[in-house]
mmCIF file of all heavy atoms, coordinates in Angstrom:
data_MODEL
# 
_entry.id   MODEL 
# 
loop_
_atom_site.group_PDB 
_atom_site.id 
_atom_site.type_symbol 
_atom_site.label_atom_id 
_atom_site.label_alt_id 
_atom_site.label_comp_id 
_atom_site.label_asym_id 
_atom_site.label_entity_id 
_atom_site.label_seq_id 
_atom_site.pdbx_PDB_ins_code 
_atom_site.Cartn_x 
_atom_site.Cartn_y 
_atom_site.Cartn_z 
_atom_site.occupancy 
_atom_site.B_iso_or_equiv 
_atom_site.pdbx_formal_charge 
_atom_site.auth_seq_id 
_atom_site.auth_comp_id 
_atom_site.auth_asym_id 
_atom_site.auth_atom_id 
_atom_site.pdbx_PDB_model_num 
ATOM 1   N N   . TYR A 1 1  ? 0.834  -1.205  0.000  1.00 0.00 ? 1  TYR A N   1 
ATOM 2   C CA  . TYR A 1 1  ? 0.000  0.000   0.000  1.00 0.00 ? 1  TYR A CA  1 
ATOM 3   C C   . TYR A 1 1  ? 0.870  1.258   0.000  1.00 0.00 ? 1  TYR A C   1 
ATOM 4   O O   . TYR A 1 1  ? 0.535  2.252   -0.641 1.00 0.00 ? 1  TYR A O   1 
ATOM 5   C CB  . TYR A 1 1  ? -0.909 0.016   1.228  1.00 0.00 ? 1  TYR A CB  1 
ATOM 6   C CG  . TYR A 1 1  ? -2.219 -0.701  1.035  1.00 0.00 ? 1  TYR A CG  1 
ATOM 7   C CD1 . TYR A 1 1  ? -2.590 -1.749  1.873  1.00 0.00 ? 1  TYR A CD1 1 
ATOM 8   C CD2 . TYR A 1 1  ? -3.108 -0.327  0.024  1.00 0.00 ? 1  TYR A CD2 1 
ATOM 9   C CE1 . TYR A 1 1  ? -3.807 -2.414  1.702  1.00 0.00 ? 1  TYR A CE1 1 
ATOM 10  C CE2 . TYR A 1 1  ? -4.321 -0.988  -0.154 1.00 0.00 ? 1  TYR A CE2 1 
ATOM 11  C CZ  . TYR A 1 1  ? -4.662 -2.018  0.689  1.00 0.00 ? 1  TYR A CZ  1 
ATOM 12  O OH  . TYR A 1 1  ? -5.866 -2.672  0.515  1.00 0.00 ? 1  TYR A OH  1 
ATOM 13  N N   . ASP A 1 2  ? 1.983  1.178   0.695  1.00 0.00 ? 2  ASP A N   1 
ATOM 14  C CA  . ASP A 1 2  ? 2.886  2.324   0.832  1.00 0.00 ? 2  ASP A CA  1 
ATOM 15  C C   . ASP A 1 2  ? 3.653  2.593   -0.466 1.00 0.00 ? 2  ASP A C   1 
ATOM 16  O O   . ASP A 1 2  ? 3.477  3.625   -1.120 1.00 0.00 ? 2  ASP A O   1 
ATOM 17  C CB  . ASP A 1 2  ? 3.853  2.041   1.981  1.00 0.00 ? 2  ASP A CB  1 
ATOM 18  C CG  . ASP A 1 2  ? 4.756  3.218   2.326  1.00 0.00 ? 2  ASP A CG  1 
ATOM 19  O OD1 . ASP A 1 2  ? 4.644  4.281   1.696  1.00 0.00 ? 2  ASP A OD1 1 
ATOM 20  O OD2 . ASP A 1 2  ? 5.589  3.054   3.242  1.00 0.00 ? 2  ASP A OD2 1 
ATOM 21  N N   . SER A 1 3  ? 4.469  1.639   -0.874 1.00 0.00 ? 3  SER A N   1 
ATOM 22  C CA  . SER A 1 3  ? 5.381  1.860   -1.999 1.00 0.00 ? 3  SER A CA  1 
ATOM 23  C C   . SER A 1 3  ? 4.767  1.557   -3.360 1.00 0.00 ? 3  SER A C   1 
ATOM 24  O O   . SER A 1 3  ? 5.195  2.121   -4.363 1.00 0.00 ? 3  SER A O   1 
ATOM 25  C CB  . SER A 1 3  ? 6.639  1.009   -1.814 1.00 0.00 ? 3  SER A CB  1 
ATOM 26  O OG  . SER A 1 3  ? 7.332  1.396   -0.654 1.00 0.00 ? 3  SER A OG  1 
ATOM 27  N N   . GLY A 1 4  ? 3.776  0.659   -3.387 1.00 0.00 ? 4  GLY A N   1 
ATOM 28  C CA  . GLY A 1 4  ? 3.187  0.286   -4.667 1.00 0.00 ? 4  GLY A CA  1 
ATOM 29  C C   . GLY A 1 4  ? 1.976  1.103   -5.050 1.00 0.00 ? 4  GLY A C   1 
ATOM 30  O O   . GLY A 1 4  ? 1.877  1.605   -6.166 1.00 0.00 ? 4  GLY A O   1 
ATOM 31  N N   . LEU A 1 5  ? 1.059  1.270   -4.091 1.00 0.00 ? 5  LEU A N   1 
ATOM 32  C CA  . LEU A 1 5  ? -0.197 1.961   -4.374 1.00 0.00 ? 5  LEU A CA  1 
ATOM 33  C C   . LEU A 1 5  ? -0.232 3.385   -3.831 1.00 0.00 ? 5  LEU A C   1 
ATOM 34  O O   . LEU A 1 5  ? -1.172 4.138   -4.122 1.00 0.00 ? 5  LEU A O   1 
ATOM 35  C CB  . LEU A 1 5  ? -1.370 1.159   -3.789 1.00 0.00 ? 5  LEU A CB  1 
ATOM 36  C CG  . LEU A 1 5  ? -1.553 -0.243  -4.376 1.00 0.00 ? 5  LEU A CG  1 
ATOM 37  C CD1 . LEU A 1 5  ? -2.677 -0.988  -3.650 1.00 0.00 ? 5  LEU A CD1 1 
ATOM 38  C CD2 . LEU A 1 5  ? -1.846 -0.167  -5.869 1.00 0.00 ? 5  LEU A CD2 1 
ATOM 39  N N   . HIS A 1 6  ? 0.767  3.753   -3.025 1.00 0.00 ? 6  HIS A N   1 
ATOM 40  C CA  . HIS A 1 6  ? 0.869  5.113   -2.451 1.00 0.00 ? 6  HIS A CA  1 
ATOM 41  C C   . HIS A 1 6  ? -0.406 5.503   -1.713 1.00 0.00 ? 6  HIS A C   1 
ATOM 42  O O   . HIS A 1 6  ? -0.889 6.631   -1.820 1.00 0.00 ? 6  HIS A O   1 
ATOM 43  C CB  . HIS A 1 6  ? 1.198  6.130   -3.547 1.00 0.00 ? 6  HIS A CB  1 
ATOM 44  C CG  . HIS A 1 6  ? 2.414  5.773   -4.340 1.00 0.00 ? 6  HIS A CG  1 
ATOM 45  N ND1 . HIS A 1 6  ? 3.681  5.735   -3.785 1.00 0.00 ? 6  HIS A ND1 1 
ATOM 46  C CD2 . HIS A 1 6  ? 2.560  5.409   -5.640 1.00 0.00 ? 6  HIS A CD2 1 
ATOM 47  C CE1 . HIS A 1 6  ? 4.559  5.381   -4.707 1.00 0.00 ? 6  HIS A CE1 1 
ATOM 48  N NE2 . HIS A 1 6  ? 3.899  5.170   -5.842 1.00 0.00 ? 6  HIS A NE2 1 
ATOM 49  N N   . ASN A 1 7  ? -0.934 4.537   -0.965 1.00 0.00 ? 7  ASN A N   1 
ATOM 50  C CA  . ASN A 1 7  ? -2.121 4.767   -0.150 1.00 0.00 ? 7  ASN A CA  1 
ATOM 51  C C   . ASN A 1 7  ? -1.667 4.858   1.300  1.00 0.00 ? 7  ASN A C   1 
ATOM 52  O O   . ASN A 1 7  ? -1.516 3.841   1.983  1.00 0.00 ? 7  ASN A O   1 
ATOM 53  C CB  . ASN A 1 7  ? -3.120 3.620   -0.348 1.00 0.00 ? 7  ASN A CB  1 
ATOM 54  C CG  . ASN A 1 7  ? -4.437 3.858   0.360  1.00 0.00 ? 7  ASN A CG  1 
ATOM 55  O OD1 . ASN A 1 7  ? -4.500 4.498   1.399  1.00 0.00 ? 7  ASN A OD1 1 
ATOM 56  N ND2 . ASN A 1 7  ? -5.508 3.325   -0.204 1.00 0.00 ? 7  ASN A ND2 1 
ATOM 57  N N   . VAL A 1 8  ? -1.427 6.083   1.764  1.00 0.00 ? 8  VAL A N   1 
ATOM 58  C CA  . VAL A 1 8  ? -0.827 6.293   3.080  1.00 0.00 ? 8  VAL A CA  1 
ATOM 59  C C   . VAL A 1 8  ? -1.725 5.764   4.200  1.00 0.00 ? 8  VAL A C   1 
ATOM 60  O O   . VAL A 1 8  ? -1.241 5.147   5.151  1.00 0.00 ? 8  VAL A O   1 
ATOM 61  C CB  . VAL A 1 8  ? -0.518 7.789   3.292  1.00 0.00 ? 8  VAL A CB  1 
ATOM 62  C CG1 . VAL A 1 8  ? -0.075 8.053   4.730  1.00 0.00 ? 8  VAL A CG1 1 
ATOM 63  C CG2 . VAL A 1 8  ? 0.570  8.242   2.320  1.00 0.00 ? 8  VAL A CG2 1 
ATOM 64  N N   . ALA A 1 9  ? -3.021 6.004   4.094  1.00 0.00 ? 9  ALA A N   1 
ATOM 65  C CA  . ALA A 1 9  ? -3.937 5.584   5.162  1.00 0.00 ? 9  ALA A CA  1 
ATOM 66  C C   . ALA A 1 9  ? -3.919 4.069   5.348  1.00 0.00 ? 9  ALA A C   1 
ATOM 67  O O   . ALA A 1 9  ? -3.849 3.567   6.484  1.00 0.00 ? 9  ALA A O   1 
ATOM 68  C CB  . ALA A 1 9  ? -5.355 6.066   4.849  1.00 0.00 ? 9  ALA A CB  1 
ATOM 69  N N   . MET A 1 10 ? -3.987 3.329   4.242  1.00 0.00 ? 10 MET A N   1 
ATOM 70  C CA  . MET A 1 10 ? -3.980 1.869   4.338  1.00 0.00 ? 10 MET A CA  1 
ATOM 71  C C   . MET A 1 10 ? -2.608 1.341   4.743  1.00 0.00 ? 10 MET A C   1 
ATOM 72  O O   . MET A 1 10 ? -2.493 0.348   5.468  1.00 0.00 ? 10 MET A O   1 
ATOM 73  C CB  . MET A 1 10 ? -4.418 1.253   3.013  1.00 0.00 ? 10 MET A CB  1 
ATOM 74  C CG  . MET A 1 10 ? -5.870 1.509   2.664  1.00 0.00 ? 10 MET A CG  1 
ATOM 75  S SD  . MET A 1 10 ? -7.021 0.860   3.907  1.00 0.00 ? 10 MET A SD  1 
ATOM 76  C CE  . MET A 1 10 ? -6.834 -0.907  3.652  1.00 0.00 ? 10 MET A CE  1 
ATOM 77  N N   . ALA A 1 11 ? -1.566 1.995   4.280  1.00 0.00 ? 11 ALA A N   1 
ATOM 78  C CA  . ALA A 1 11 ? -0.213 1.586   4.680  1.00 0.00 ? 11 ALA A CA  1 
ATOM 79  C C   . ALA A 1 11 ? -0.053 1.736   6.187  1.00 0.00 ? 11 ALA A C   1 
ATOM 80  O O   . ALA A 1 11 ? 0.431  0.820   6.871  1.00 0.00 ? 11 ALA A O   1 
ATOM 81  C CB  . ALA A 1 11 ? 0.823  2.434   3.946  1.00 0.00 ? 11 ALA A CB  1 
ATOM 82  N N   . ARG A 1 12 ? -0.479 2.880   6.696  1.00 0.00 ? 12 ARG A N   1 
ATOM 83  C CA  . ARG A 1 12 ? -0.389 3.115   8.132  1.00 0.00 ? 12 ARG A CA  1 
ATOM 84  C C   . ARG A 1 12 ? -1.204 2.068   8.906  1.00 0.00 ? 12 ARG A C   1 
ATOM 85  O O   . ARG A 1 12 ? -0.748 1.561   9.941  1.00 0.00 ? 12 ARG A O   1 
ATOM 86  C CB  . ARG A 1 12 ? -0.884 4.526   8.449  1.00 0.00 ? 12 ARG A CB  1 
ATOM 87  C CG  . ARG A 1 12 ? -0.833 4.888   9.920  1.00 0.00 ? 12 ARG A CG  1 
ATOM 88  C CD  . ARG A 1 12 ? -1.201 6.342   10.141 1.00 0.00 ? 12 ARG A CD  1 
ATOM 89  N NE  . ARG A 1 12 ? -0.141 7.209   9.650  1.00 0.00 ? 12 ARG A NE  1 
ATOM 90  C CZ  . ARG A 1 12 ? 0.964  7.487   10.330 1.00 0.00 ? 12 ARG A CZ  1 
ATOM 91  N NH1 . ARG A 1 12 ? 1.149  6.948   11.528 1.00 0.00 ? 12 ARG A NH1 1 
ATOM 92  N NH2 . ARG A 1 12 ? 1.871  8.280   9.827  1.00 0.00 ? 12 ARG A NH2 1 
ATOM 93  N N   . LYS A 1 13 ? -2.387 1.744   8.417  1.00 0.00 ? 13 LYS A N   1 
ATOM 94  C CA  . LYS A 1 13 ? -3.250 0.756   9.079  1.00 0.00 ? 13 LYS A CA  1 
ATOM 95  C C   . LYS A 1 13 ? -2.536 -0.584  9.245  1.00 0.00 ? 13 LYS A C   1 
ATOM 96  O O   . LYS A 1 13 ? -2.562 -1.178  10.331 1.00 0.00 ? 13 LYS A O   1 
ATOM 97  C CB  . LYS A 1 13 ? -4.531 0.570   8.264  1.00 0.00 ? 13 LYS A CB  1 
ATOM 98  C CG  . LYS A 1 13 ? -5.433 -0.548  8.779  1.00 0.00 ? 13 LYS A CG  1 
ATOM 99  C CD  . LYS A 1 13 ? -6.649 -0.743  7.884  1.00 0.00 ? 13 LYS A CD  1 
ATOM 100 C CE  . LYS A 1 13 ? -7.492 -1.930  8.344  1.00 0.00 ? 13 LYS A CE  1 
ATOM 101 N NZ  . LYS A 1 13 ? -8.699 -2.113  7.489  1.00 0.00 ? 13 LYS A NZ  1 
ATOM 102 N N   . TYR A 1 14 ? -1.879 -1.044  8.177  1.00 0.00 ? 14 TYR A N   1 
ATOM 103 C CA  . TYR A 1 14 ? -1.259 -2.376  8.251  1.00 0.00 ? 14 TYR A CA  1 
ATOM 104 C C   . TYR A 1 14 ? 0.097  -2.348  8.940  1.00 0.00 ? 14 TYR A C   1 
ATOM 105 O O   . TYR A 1 14 ? 0.498  -3.363  9.536  1.00 0.00 ? 14 TYR A O   1 
ATOM 106 C CB  . TYR A 1 14 ? -1.195 -2.999  6.859  1.00 0.00 ? 14 TYR A CB  1 
ATOM 107 C CG  . TYR A 1 14 ? -2.527 -3.593  6.479  1.00 0.00 ? 14 TYR A CG  1 
ATOM 108 C CD1 . TYR A 1 14 ? -3.473 -2.850  5.784  1.00 0.00 ? 14 TYR A CD1 1 
ATOM 109 C CD2 . TYR A 1 14 ? -2.871 -4.878  6.883  1.00 0.00 ? 14 TYR A CD2 1 
ATOM 110 C CE1 . TYR A 1 14 ? -4.727 -3.383  5.473  1.00 0.00 ? 14 TYR A CE1 1 
ATOM 111 C CE2 . TYR A 1 14 ? -4.111 -5.415  6.587  1.00 0.00 ? 14 TYR A CE2 1 
ATOM 112 C CZ  . TYR A 1 14 ? -5.034 -4.662  5.884  1.00 0.00 ? 14 TYR A CZ  1 
ATOM 113 O OH  . TYR A 1 14 ? -6.263 -5.189  5.598  1.00 0.00 ? 14 TYR A OH  1 
ATOM 114 N N   . TYR A 1 15 ? 0.797  -1.220  8.900  1.00 0.00 ? 15 TYR A N   1 
ATOM 115 C CA  . TYR A 1 15 ? 2.009  -1.110  9.703  1.00 0.00 ? 15 TYR A CA  1 
ATOM 116 C C   . TYR A 1 15 ? 1.635  -1.173  11.193 1.00 0.00 ? 15 TYR A C   1 
ATOM 117 O O   . TYR A 1 15 ? 2.293  -1.861  11.986 1.00 0.00 ? 15 TYR A O   1 
ATOM 118 C CB  . TYR A 1 15 ? 2.736  0.198   9.399  1.00 0.00 ? 15 TYR A CB  1 
ATOM 119 C CG  . TYR A 1 15 ? 3.446  0.236   8.070  1.00 0.00 ? 15 TYR A CG  1 
ATOM 120 C CD1 . TYR A 1 15 ? 3.552  1.446   7.359  1.00 0.00 ? 15 TYR A CD1 1 
ATOM 121 C CD2 . TYR A 1 15 ? 4.022  -0.904  7.517  1.00 0.00 ? 15 TYR A CD2 1 
ATOM 122 C CE1 . TYR A 1 15 ? 4.217  1.492   6.135  1.00 0.00 ? 15 TYR A CE1 1 
ATOM 123 C CE2 . TYR A 1 15 ? 4.681  -0.862  6.300  1.00 0.00 ? 15 TYR A CE2 1 
ATOM 124 C CZ  . TYR A 1 15 ? 4.773  0.344   5.609  1.00 0.00 ? 15 TYR A CZ  1 
ATOM 125 O OH  . TYR A 1 15 ? 5.432  0.394   4.403  1.00 0.00 ? 15 TYR A OH  1 
ATOM 126 N N   . GLU A 1 16 ? 0.593  -0.445  11.563 1.00 0.00 ? 16 GLU A N   1 
ATOM 127 C CA  . GLU A 1 16 ? 0.153  -0.453  12.958 1.00 0.00 ? 16 GLU A CA  1 
ATOM 128 C C   . GLU A 1 16 ? -0.367 -1.827  13.367 1.00 0.00 ? 16 GLU A C   1 
ATOM 129 O O   . GLU A 1 16 ? -0.156 -2.272  14.501 1.00 0.00 ? 16 GLU A O   1 
ATOM 130 C CB  . GLU A 1 16 ? -0.928 0.613   13.167 1.00 0.00 ? 16 GLU A CB  1 
ATOM 131 C CG  . GLU A 1 16 ? -0.393 2.040   13.080 1.00 0.00 ? 16 GLU A CG  1 
ATOM 132 C CD  . GLU A 1 16 ? -1.484 3.097   13.147 1.00 0.00 ? 16 GLU A CD  1 
ATOM 133 O OE1 . GLU A 1 16 ? -2.681 2.726   13.007 1.00 0.00 ? 16 GLU A OE1 1 
ATOM 134 O OE2 . GLU A 1 16 ? -1.152 4.285   13.321 1.00 0.00 ? 16 GLU A OE2 1 
ATOM 135 N N   . LYS A 1 17 ? -1.029 -2.502  12.444 1.00 0.00 ? 17 LYS A N   1 
ATOM 136 C CA  . LYS A 1 17 ? -1.533 -3.848  12.720 1.00 0.00 ? 17 LYS A CA  1 
ATOM 137 C C   . LYS A 1 17 ? -0.383 -4.816  12.949 1.00 0.00 ? 17 LYS A C   1 
ATOM 138 O O   . LYS A 1 17 ? -0.461 -5.703  13.806 1.00 0.00 ? 17 LYS A O   1 
ATOM 139 C CB  . LYS A 1 17 ? -2.406 -4.324  11.560 1.00 0.00 ? 17 LYS A CB  1 
ATOM 140 C CG  . LYS A 1 17 ? -3.145 -5.622  11.816 1.00 0.00 ? 17 LYS A CG  1 
ATOM 141 C CD  . LYS A 1 17 ? -4.098 -5.941  10.677 1.00 0.00 ? 17 LYS A CD  1 
ATOM 142 C CE  . LYS A 1 17 ? -4.873 -7.219  10.940 1.00 0.00 ? 17 LYS A CE  1 
ATOM 143 N NZ  . LYS A 1 17 ? -5.825 -7.521  9.829  1.00 0.00 ? 17 LYS A NZ  1 
ATOM 144 N N   . THR A 1 18 ? 0.700  -4.650  12.190 1.00 0.00 ? 18 THR A N   1 
ATOM 145 C CA  . THR A 1 18 ? 1.884  -5.500  12.371 1.00 0.00 ? 18 THR A CA  1 
ATOM 146 C C   . THR A 1 18 ? 2.449  -5.342  13.775 1.00 0.00 ? 18 THR A C   1 
ATOM 147 O O   . THR A 1 18 ? 2.782  -6.327  14.451 1.00 0.00 ? 18 THR A O   1 
ATOM 148 C CB  . THR A 1 18 ? 2.964  -5.145  11.335 1.00 0.00 ? 18 THR A CB  1 
ATOM 149 O OG1 . THR A 1 18 ? 2.427  -5.261  10.016 1.00 0.00 ? 18 THR A OG1 1 
ATOM 150 C CG2 . THR A 1 18 ? 4.170  -6.065  11.469 1.00 0.00 ? 18 THR A CG2 1 
ATOM 151 N N   . ILE A 1 19 ? 2.543  -4.097  14.228 1.00 0.00 ? 19 ILE A N   1 
ATOM 152 C CA  . ILE A 1 19 ? 3.085  -3.817  15.563 1.00 0.00 ? 19 ILE A CA  1 
ATOM 153 C C   . ILE A 1 19 ? 2.159  -4.366  16.650 1.00 0.00 ? 19 ILE A C   1 
ATOM 154 O O   . ILE A 1 19 ? 2.617  -4.940  17.651 1.00 0.00 ? 19 ILE A O   1 
ATOM 155 C CB  . ILE A 1 19 ? 3.283  -2.298  15.743 1.00 0.00 ? 19 ILE A CB  1 
ATOM 156 C CG1 . ILE A 1 19 ? 4.320  -1.786  14.739 1.00 0.00 ? 19 ILE A CG1 1 
ATOM 157 C CG2 . ILE A 1 19 ? 3.709  -1.975  17.170 1.00 0.00 ? 19 ILE A CG2 1 
ATOM 158 C CD1 . ILE A 1 19 ? 4.377  -0.279  14.631 1.00 0.00 ? 19 ILE A CD1 1 
ATOM 159 N N   . GLU A 1 20 ? 0.846  -4.232  16.432 1.00 0.00 ? 20 GLU A N   1 
ATOM 160 C CA  . GLU A 1 20 ? -0.125 -4.693  17.421 1.00 0.00 ? 20 GLU A CA  1 
ATOM 161 C C   . GLU A 1 20 ? -0.154 -6.217  17.542 1.00 0.00 ? 20 GLU A C   1 
ATOM 162 O O   . GLU A 1 20 ? -0.141 -6.758  18.658 1.00 0.00 ? 20 GLU A O   1 
ATOM 163 C CB  . GLU A 1 20 ? -1.517 -4.189  17.039 1.00 0.00 ? 20 GLU A CB  1 
ATOM 164 C CG  . GLU A 1 20 ? -2.634 -4.679  17.957 1.00 0.00 ? 20 GLU A CG  1 
ATOM 165 C CD  . GLU A 1 20 ? -4.021 -4.328  17.441 1.00 0.00 ? 20 GLU A CD  1 
ATOM 166 O OE1 . GLU A 1 20 ? -4.120 -3.591  16.442 1.00 0.00 ? 20 GLU A OE1 1 
ATOM 167 O OE2 . GLU A 1 20 ? -4.995 -4.816  18.033 1.00 0.00 ? 20 GLU A OE2 1 
ATOM 168 N N   . LEU A 1 21 ? -0.182 -6.904  16.401 1.00 0.00 ? 21 LEU A N   1 
ATOM 169 C CA  . LEU A 1 21 ? -0.324 -8.361  16.428 1.00 0.00 ? 21 LEU A CA  1 
ATOM 170 C C   . LEU A 1 21 ? 0.992  -9.094  16.665 1.00 0.00 ? 21 LEU A C   1 
ATOM 171 O O   . LEU A 1 21 ? 1.003  -10.184 17.241 1.00 0.00 ? 21 LEU A O   1 
ATOM 172 C CB  . LEU A 1 21 ? -0.940 -8.844  15.104 1.00 0.00 ? 21 LEU A CB  1 
ATOM 173 C CG  . LEU A 1 21 ? -2.366 -8.372  14.802 1.00 0.00 ? 21 LEU A CG  1 
ATOM 174 C CD1 . LEU A 1 21 ? -2.816 -8.903  13.440 1.00 0.00 ? 21 LEU A CD1 1 
ATOM 175 C CD2 . LEU A 1 21 ? -3.331 -8.831  15.886 1.00 0.00 ? 21 LEU A CD2 1 
ATOM 176 N N   . TYR A 1 22 ? 2.092  -8.506  16.224 1.00 0.00 ? 22 TYR A N   1 
ATOM 177 C CA  . TYR A 1 22 ? 3.389  -9.199  16.295 1.00 0.00 ? 22 TYR A CA  1 
ATOM 178 C C   . TYR A 1 22 ? 4.448  -8.264  16.880 1.00 0.00 ? 22 TYR A C   1 
ATOM 179 O O   . TYR A 1 22 ? 5.418  -7.908  16.216 1.00 0.00 ? 22 TYR A O   1 
ATOM 180 C CB  . TYR A 1 22 ? 3.785  -9.679  14.896 1.00 0.00 ? 22 TYR A CB  1 
ATOM 181 C CG  . TYR A 1 22 ? 2.684  -10.467 14.227 1.00 0.00 ? 22 TYR A CG  1 
ATOM 182 C CD1 . TYR A 1 22 ? 1.868  -9.888  13.252 1.00 0.00 ? 22 TYR A CD1 1 
ATOM 183 C CD2 . TYR A 1 22 ? 2.421  -11.780 14.605 1.00 0.00 ? 22 TYR A CD2 1 
ATOM 184 C CE1 . TYR A 1 22 ? 0.836  -10.601 12.657 1.00 0.00 ? 22 TYR A CE1 1 
ATOM 185 C CE2 . TYR A 1 22 ? 1.384  -12.507 14.017 1.00 0.00 ? 22 TYR A CE2 1 
ATOM 186 C CZ  . TYR A 1 22 ? 0.595  -11.906 13.049 1.00 0.00 ? 22 TYR A CZ  1 
ATOM 187 O OH  . TYR A 1 22 ? -0.429 -12.612 12.475 1.00 0.00 ? 22 TYR A OH  1 
ATOM 188 N N   . PRO A 1 23 ? 4.257  -7.827  18.133 1.00 0.00 ? 23 PRO A N   1 
ATOM 189 C CA  . PRO A 1 23 ? 5.090  -6.762  18.710 1.00 0.00 ? 23 PRO A CA  1 
ATOM 190 C C   . PRO A 1 23 ? 6.573  -7.085  18.877 1.00 0.00 ? 23 PRO A C   1 
ATOM 191 O O   . PRO A 1 23 ? 7.405  -6.197  18.817 1.00 0.00 ? 23 PRO A O   1 
ATOM 192 C CB  . PRO A 1 23 ? 4.426  -6.516  20.073 1.00 0.00 ? 23 PRO A CB  1 
ATOM 193 C CG  . PRO A 1 23 ? 3.731  -7.805  20.394 1.00 0.00 ? 23 PRO A CG  1 
ATOM 194 C CD  . PRO A 1 23 ? 3.254  -8.339  19.078 1.00 0.00 ? 23 PRO A CD  1 
ATOM 195 N N   . ASN A 1 24 ? 6.917  -8.331  19.065 1.00 0.00 ? 24 ASN A N   1 
ATOM 196 C CA  . ASN A 1 24 ? 8.315  -8.681  19.342 1.00 0.00 ? 24 ASN A CA  1 
ATOM 197 C C   . ASN A 1 24 ? 8.987  -9.360  18.163 1.00 0.00 ? 24 ASN A C   1 
ATOM 198 O O   . ASN A 1 24 ? 9.751  -10.303 18.328 1.00 0.00 ? 24 ASN A O   1 
ATOM 199 C CB  . ASN A 1 24 ? 8.379  -9.578  20.580 1.00 0.00 ? 24 ASN A CB  1 
ATOM 200 C CG  . ASN A 1 24 ? 7.807  -8.899  21.814 1.00 0.00 ? 24 ASN A CG  1 
ATOM 201 O OD1 . ASN A 1 24 ? 8.112  -7.738  22.082 1.00 0.00 ? 24 ASN A OD1 1 
ATOM 202 N ND2 . ASN A 1 24 ? 6.974  -9.617  22.550 1.00 0.00 ? 24 ASN A ND2 1 
ATOM 203 N N   . THR A 1 25 ? 8.705  -8.854  16.974 1.00 0.00 ? 25 THR A N   1 
ATOM 204 C CA  . THR A 1 25 ? 9.272  -9.461  15.772 1.00 0.00 ? 25 THR A CA  1 
ATOM 205 C C   . THR A 1 25 ? 10.078 -8.444  14.976 1.00 0.00 ? 25 THR A C   1 
ATOM 206 O O   . THR A 1 25 ? 9.972  -7.228  15.174 1.00 0.00 ? 25 THR A O   1 
ATOM 207 C CB  . THR A 1 25 ? 8.155  -10.008 14.859 1.00 0.00 ? 25 THR A CB  1 
ATOM 208 O OG1 . THR A 1 25 ? 7.354  -8.897  14.396 1.00 0.00 ? 25 THR A OG1 1 
ATOM 209 C CG2 . THR A 1 25 ? 7.269  -10.992 15.594 1.00 0.00 ? 25 THR A CG2 1 
ATOM 210 N N   . PHE A 1 26 ? 10.867 -8.969  14.061 1.00 0.00 ? 26 PHE A N   1 
ATOM 211 C CA  . PHE A 1 26 ? 11.625 -8.124  13.141 1.00 0.00 ? 26 PHE A CA  1 
ATOM 212 C C   . PHE A 1 26 ? 10.689 -7.221  12.341 1.00 0.00 ? 26 PHE A C   1 
ATOM 213 O O   . PHE A 1 26 ? 10.984 -6.048  12.103 1.00 0.00 ? 26 PHE A O   1 
ATOM 214 C CB  . PHE A 1 26 ? 12.422 -9.025  12.190 1.00 0.00 ? 26 PHE A CB  1 
ATOM 215 C CG  . PHE A 1 26 ? 13.006 -8.305  11.006 1.00 0.00 ? 26 PHE A CG  1 
ATOM 216 C CD1 . PHE A 1 26 ? 14.173 -7.571  11.123 1.00 0.00 ? 26 PHE A CD1 1 
ATOM 217 C CD2 . PHE A 1 26 ? 12.381 -8.362  9.766  1.00 0.00 ? 26 PHE A CD2 1 
ATOM 218 C CE1 . PHE A 1 26 ? 14.717 -6.909  10.028 1.00 0.00 ? 26 PHE A CE1 1 
ATOM 219 C CE2 . PHE A 1 26 ? 12.907 -7.710  8.671  1.00 0.00 ? 26 PHE A CE2 1 
ATOM 220 C CZ  . PHE A 1 26 ? 14.077 -6.969  8.804  1.00 0.00 ? 26 PHE A CZ  1 
# 
């Protein structure tokens, strides 16, 4: 969403989801 579709809102949503669901990962 970020680099391919340039959709900042959706990119932010899934970046935040990554941190929420998998907090102690690379």
